[in-house]
N, C-alpha and C. Protein backbone atom coordinates (compact mmCIF):
# COMPACT_ATOMS: atom_id res chain seq x y z
N UNK A 1 23.76 -53.34 64.49
CA UNK A 1 24.07 -52.00 63.76
C UNK A 1 23.00 -51.81 62.58
N UNK A 2 22.39 -50.45 62.45
CA UNK A 2 21.28 -50.23 61.73
C UNK A 2 21.82 -50.01 60.25
N UNK A 3 21.32 -50.60 59.36
CA UNK A 3 21.90 -50.32 57.94
C UNK A 3 21.05 -48.95 57.42
N UNK A 4 21.80 -47.81 57.44
CA UNK A 4 20.87 -46.60 57.04
C UNK A 4 20.71 -46.49 55.57
N UNK A 5 21.54 -47.15 54.79
CA UNK A 5 21.12 -47.15 53.30
C UNK A 5 19.78 -47.86 52.92
N UNK A 6 19.35 -48.99 53.77
CA UNK A 6 18.28 -49.43 53.43
C UNK A 6 17.05 -48.65 53.95
N UNK A 7 17.43 -48.02 55.10
CA UNK A 7 16.27 -47.18 55.55
C UNK A 7 16.08 -45.87 54.57
N UNK A 8 17.13 -45.34 54.06
CA UNK A 8 16.99 -44.21 53.08
C UNK A 8 16.37 -44.74 51.74
N UNK A 9 16.58 -45.97 51.15
CA UNK A 9 15.82 -46.45 50.17
C UNK A 9 14.38 -46.85 50.43
N UNK A 10 14.18 -47.33 51.67
CA UNK A 10 12.59 -47.45 51.93
C UNK A 10 11.97 -46.09 52.09
N UNK A 11 12.61 -45.12 52.61
CA UNK A 11 11.79 -43.86 52.65
C UNK A 11 11.60 -43.32 51.39
N UNK A 12 12.40 -43.35 50.43
CA UNK A 12 12.41 -42.72 49.13
C UNK A 12 11.57 -43.49 48.12
N UNK A 13 11.12 -44.58 48.45
CA UNK A 13 10.03 -45.39 47.74
C UNK A 13 8.44 -44.82 47.93
N UNK A 14 8.42 -44.05 49.02
CA UNK A 14 7.05 -43.58 49.17
C UNK A 14 6.82 -42.13 48.35
N UNK A 15 5.56 -41.97 47.80
CA UNK A 15 5.30 -40.76 47.05
C UNK A 15 4.52 -39.67 48.08
N UNK A 16 5.13 -38.53 48.01
CA UNK A 16 4.56 -37.54 49.01
C UNK A 16 3.17 -37.33 48.81
N UNK A 17 2.39 -36.95 49.78
CA UNK A 17 1.05 -36.64 49.67
C UNK A 17 0.71 -35.28 48.63
N UNK A 18 1.58 -34.44 48.61
CA UNK A 18 1.29 -33.33 47.77
C UNK A 18 1.45 -33.75 46.35
N UNK A 19 2.11 -34.71 45.94
CA UNK A 19 2.32 -35.23 44.72
C UNK A 19 0.87 -36.04 44.38
N UNK A 20 0.37 -36.78 45.37
CA UNK A 20 -0.91 -37.47 45.27
C UNK A 20 -2.08 -36.47 44.98
N UNK A 21 -2.05 -35.24 45.82
CA UNK A 21 -2.96 -34.33 45.65
C UNK A 21 -2.99 -33.61 44.27
N UNK A 22 -1.83 -33.58 43.87
CA UNK A 22 -1.56 -32.84 42.43
C UNK A 22 -2.11 -33.86 41.39
N UNK A 23 -2.07 -35.15 41.54
CA UNK A 23 -2.51 -36.09 40.52
C UNK A 23 -3.90 -36.19 40.52
N UNK A 24 -4.49 -36.25 41.73
CA UNK A 24 -5.94 -36.27 41.85
C UNK A 24 -6.48 -34.95 41.22
N UNK A 25 -5.89 -33.87 41.63
CA UNK A 25 -6.48 -32.84 41.00
C UNK A 25 -6.40 -32.61 39.29
N UNK A 26 -5.48 -33.34 38.87
CA UNK A 26 -5.35 -33.27 37.45
C UNK A 26 -6.42 -34.21 36.86
N UNK A 27 -6.55 -35.32 37.44
CA UNK A 27 -7.55 -36.21 37.00
C UNK A 27 -8.98 -35.81 37.30
N UNK A 28 -9.15 -34.92 38.09
CA UNK A 28 -10.49 -34.28 38.35
C UNK A 28 -10.57 -33.28 37.13
N UNK A 29 -9.65 -32.37 36.99
CA UNK A 29 -9.73 -31.57 35.92
C UNK A 29 -10.08 -32.12 34.65
N UNK A 30 -9.30 -33.08 34.35
CA UNK A 30 -9.59 -33.86 33.18
C UNK A 30 -11.11 -34.43 32.91
N UNK A 31 -11.33 -35.01 33.94
CA UNK A 31 -12.88 -35.38 34.06
C UNK A 31 -14.04 -34.24 33.89
N UNK A 32 -13.72 -33.15 34.69
CA UNK A 32 -14.63 -32.10 34.48
C UNK A 32 -14.50 -31.49 33.09
N UNK A 33 -13.34 -31.43 32.30
CA UNK A 33 -13.36 -30.93 30.96
C UNK A 33 -14.24 -31.83 30.03
N UNK A 34 -14.07 -33.16 30.18
CA UNK A 34 -14.88 -34.28 29.60
C UNK A 34 -16.28 -33.98 29.67
N UNK A 35 -16.66 -33.78 30.99
CA UNK A 35 -18.10 -33.63 31.48
C UNK A 35 -18.76 -32.27 30.77
N UNK A 36 -17.83 -31.27 30.60
CA UNK A 36 -18.20 -29.99 30.23
C UNK A 36 -18.45 -30.31 28.52
N UNK A 37 -17.57 -30.90 28.05
CA UNK A 37 -17.86 -31.15 26.54
C UNK A 37 -19.30 -31.89 26.33
N UNK A 38 -19.48 -32.88 26.98
CA UNK A 38 -20.74 -33.79 27.12
C UNK A 38 -21.86 -32.89 27.27
N UNK A 39 -21.88 -32.12 28.22
CA UNK A 39 -23.11 -31.41 28.44
C UNK A 39 -23.33 -30.26 27.45
N UNK A 40 -22.36 -29.65 26.78
CA UNK A 40 -22.55 -28.69 25.87
C UNK A 40 -22.97 -29.36 24.54
N UNK A 41 -22.39 -30.70 24.36
CA UNK A 41 -23.02 -31.28 23.11
C UNK A 41 -24.44 -31.67 23.36
N UNK A 42 -24.58 -32.35 24.32
CA UNK A 42 -26.16 -32.78 24.56
C UNK A 42 -27.18 -31.55 24.64
N UNK A 43 -26.67 -30.33 24.88
CA UNK A 43 -27.71 -29.43 24.85
C UNK A 43 -27.77 -28.31 23.67
N UNK A 44 -26.89 -28.76 22.58
CA UNK A 44 -26.79 -27.88 21.33
C UNK A 44 -28.09 -27.71 20.63
N UNK A 45 -28.91 -28.78 20.52
CA UNK A 45 -30.07 -28.58 20.08
C UNK A 45 -30.99 -27.67 20.70
N UNK A 46 -31.08 -27.64 22.19
CA UNK A 46 -31.99 -26.66 22.81
C UNK A 46 -31.47 -25.43 22.58
N UNK A 47 -30.09 -25.09 22.60
CA UNK A 47 -29.61 -23.79 22.43
C UNK A 47 -29.84 -23.24 20.97
N UNK A 48 -29.79 -24.16 20.19
CA UNK A 48 -30.06 -23.83 18.68
C UNK A 48 -31.50 -23.40 18.53
N UNK A 49 -32.48 -24.13 19.31
CA UNK A 49 -33.91 -23.64 19.07
C UNK A 49 -34.15 -22.56 19.96
N UNK A 50 -33.31 -22.34 20.86
CA UNK A 50 -33.69 -20.98 21.67
C UNK A 50 -33.37 -19.71 20.85
N UNK A 51 -32.11 -19.84 20.20
CA UNK A 51 -31.50 -18.79 19.69
C UNK A 51 -31.93 -18.70 18.14
N UNK A 52 -32.68 -19.65 17.66
CA UNK A 52 -33.01 -19.55 16.23
C UNK A 52 -31.85 -19.44 15.16
N UNK A 53 -30.98 -20.27 15.50
CA UNK A 53 -29.86 -20.09 14.41
C UNK A 53 -29.54 -21.29 13.77
N UNK A 54 -28.74 -21.48 12.73
CA UNK A 54 -28.45 -22.74 11.87
C UNK A 54 -27.35 -23.55 12.66
N UNK A 55 -27.46 -24.68 12.34
CA UNK A 55 -26.49 -25.67 12.99
C UNK A 55 -24.98 -25.28 13.02
N UNK A 56 -24.64 -24.90 11.87
CA UNK A 56 -23.12 -24.55 11.88
C UNK A 56 -22.76 -23.37 12.82
N UNK A 57 -23.75 -22.29 13.03
CA UNK A 57 -23.28 -21.31 13.89
C UNK A 57 -23.37 -21.57 15.31
N UNK A 58 -24.24 -22.48 15.59
CA UNK A 58 -24.35 -22.98 17.05
C UNK A 58 -23.00 -23.82 17.26
N UNK A 59 -22.56 -24.59 16.29
CA UNK A 59 -21.45 -25.25 16.77
C UNK A 59 -20.14 -24.47 16.94
N UNK A 60 -20.07 -23.25 16.16
CA UNK A 60 -19.15 -22.26 16.40
C UNK A 60 -19.21 -21.69 17.77
N UNK A 61 -20.42 -21.54 18.12
CA UNK A 61 -20.34 -20.85 19.52
C UNK A 61 -20.17 -22.03 20.46
N UNK A 62 -20.52 -23.21 20.40
CA UNK A 62 -19.98 -24.17 21.47
C UNK A 62 -18.58 -24.43 21.23
N UNK A 63 -17.89 -24.25 20.17
CA UNK A 63 -16.51 -24.55 20.19
C UNK A 63 -15.69 -23.34 20.85
N UNK A 64 -16.12 -22.12 20.73
CA UNK A 64 -15.55 -20.94 21.13
C UNK A 64 -15.87 -20.90 22.69
N UNK A 65 -17.12 -21.36 23.12
CA UNK A 65 -17.19 -21.33 24.67
C UNK A 65 -16.26 -22.13 25.27
N UNK A 66 -16.30 -23.65 24.67
CA UNK A 66 -15.39 -24.45 25.20
C UNK A 66 -13.91 -23.98 25.27
N UNK A 67 -13.50 -23.46 24.37
CA UNK A 67 -12.03 -22.85 24.26
C UNK A 67 -11.93 -21.69 25.24
N UNK A 68 -12.81 -20.82 25.57
CA UNK A 68 -12.73 -19.86 26.46
C UNK A 68 -12.60 -20.43 27.90
N UNK A 69 -13.45 -21.46 28.15
CA UNK A 69 -13.67 -22.09 29.53
C UNK A 69 -12.31 -22.84 29.75
N UNK A 70 -11.60 -23.66 28.69
CA UNK A 70 -10.31 -24.16 28.76
C UNK A 70 -9.38 -23.14 29.20
N UNK A 71 -9.39 -21.93 28.36
CA UNK A 71 -8.23 -20.87 28.57
C UNK A 71 -8.39 -20.30 29.99
N UNK A 72 -9.51 -20.18 30.51
CA UNK A 72 -9.75 -19.62 31.79
C UNK A 72 -9.18 -20.59 32.79
N UNK A 73 -9.40 -21.84 32.70
CA UNK A 73 -8.82 -22.86 33.63
C UNK A 73 -7.33 -22.89 33.50
N UNK A 74 -6.77 -22.83 32.42
CA UNK A 74 -5.39 -22.73 32.13
C UNK A 74 -4.68 -21.56 32.84
N UNK A 75 -5.28 -20.38 32.72
CA UNK A 75 -4.84 -19.10 33.39
C UNK A 75 -4.81 -19.28 34.89
N UNK A 76 -6.00 -19.68 35.27
CA UNK A 76 -6.06 -19.96 36.74
C UNK A 76 -4.96 -21.11 37.31
N UNK A 77 -4.82 -22.04 36.66
CA UNK A 77 -3.89 -23.09 37.14
C UNK A 77 -2.49 -22.57 37.08
N UNK A 78 -2.30 -21.77 35.88
CA UNK A 78 -0.74 -21.34 35.84
C UNK A 78 -0.41 -20.34 36.74
N UNK A 79 -1.59 -19.54 37.10
CA UNK A 79 -1.32 -18.54 38.23
C UNK A 79 -0.97 -19.11 39.56
N UNK A 80 -1.73 -20.27 39.81
CA UNK A 80 -1.41 -20.89 41.12
C UNK A 80 -0.12 -21.57 41.15
N UNK A 81 0.01 -22.18 40.01
CA UNK A 81 1.50 -22.81 40.15
C UNK A 81 2.62 -21.72 40.09
N UNK A 82 2.56 -20.51 39.52
CA UNK A 82 3.47 -19.51 39.59
C UNK A 82 3.72 -19.13 41.11
N UNK A 83 2.61 -18.89 41.71
CA UNK A 83 2.59 -18.53 43.06
C UNK A 83 3.12 -19.63 44.00
N UNK A 84 2.97 -20.80 43.64
CA UNK A 84 3.58 -21.96 44.46
C UNK A 84 5.07 -21.84 44.16
N UNK A 85 5.59 -21.68 43.08
CA UNK A 85 6.92 -21.77 42.69
C UNK A 85 7.69 -20.60 43.29
N UNK A 86 6.95 -19.38 43.34
CA UNK A 86 7.45 -18.11 43.78
C UNK A 86 7.83 -18.31 45.49
N UNK A 87 6.81 -18.84 46.10
CA UNK A 87 6.81 -19.14 47.49
C UNK A 87 8.06 -19.94 47.88
N UNK A 88 8.13 -21.22 47.09
CA UNK A 88 9.28 -21.99 47.30
C UNK A 88 10.58 -21.40 47.15
N UNK A 89 10.72 -20.53 46.27
CA UNK A 89 12.07 -19.80 46.16
C UNK A 89 12.50 -18.89 47.32
N UNK A 90 11.45 -18.30 47.85
CA UNK A 90 11.80 -17.38 48.82
C UNK A 90 11.27 -17.62 50.19
């Protein structure tokens, strides 16, 4: 006789592929955000020289650019999540 409760417990231990894809996407997004910050910080001196502005102004430009980029990513992700949940409801 087959023990069905053991089979159910064994199947529930596995993590679905969609979950792993979501985790990998989150890790990739976090890595890209850090990479974006590093590239911006490394090029601030060149940007400052090209625009002929003082250091405090270029820092404000870098901060605002980063925030706008993060806001755009958040809007894109939230829109995709909303579509995913709406599709699952209907």
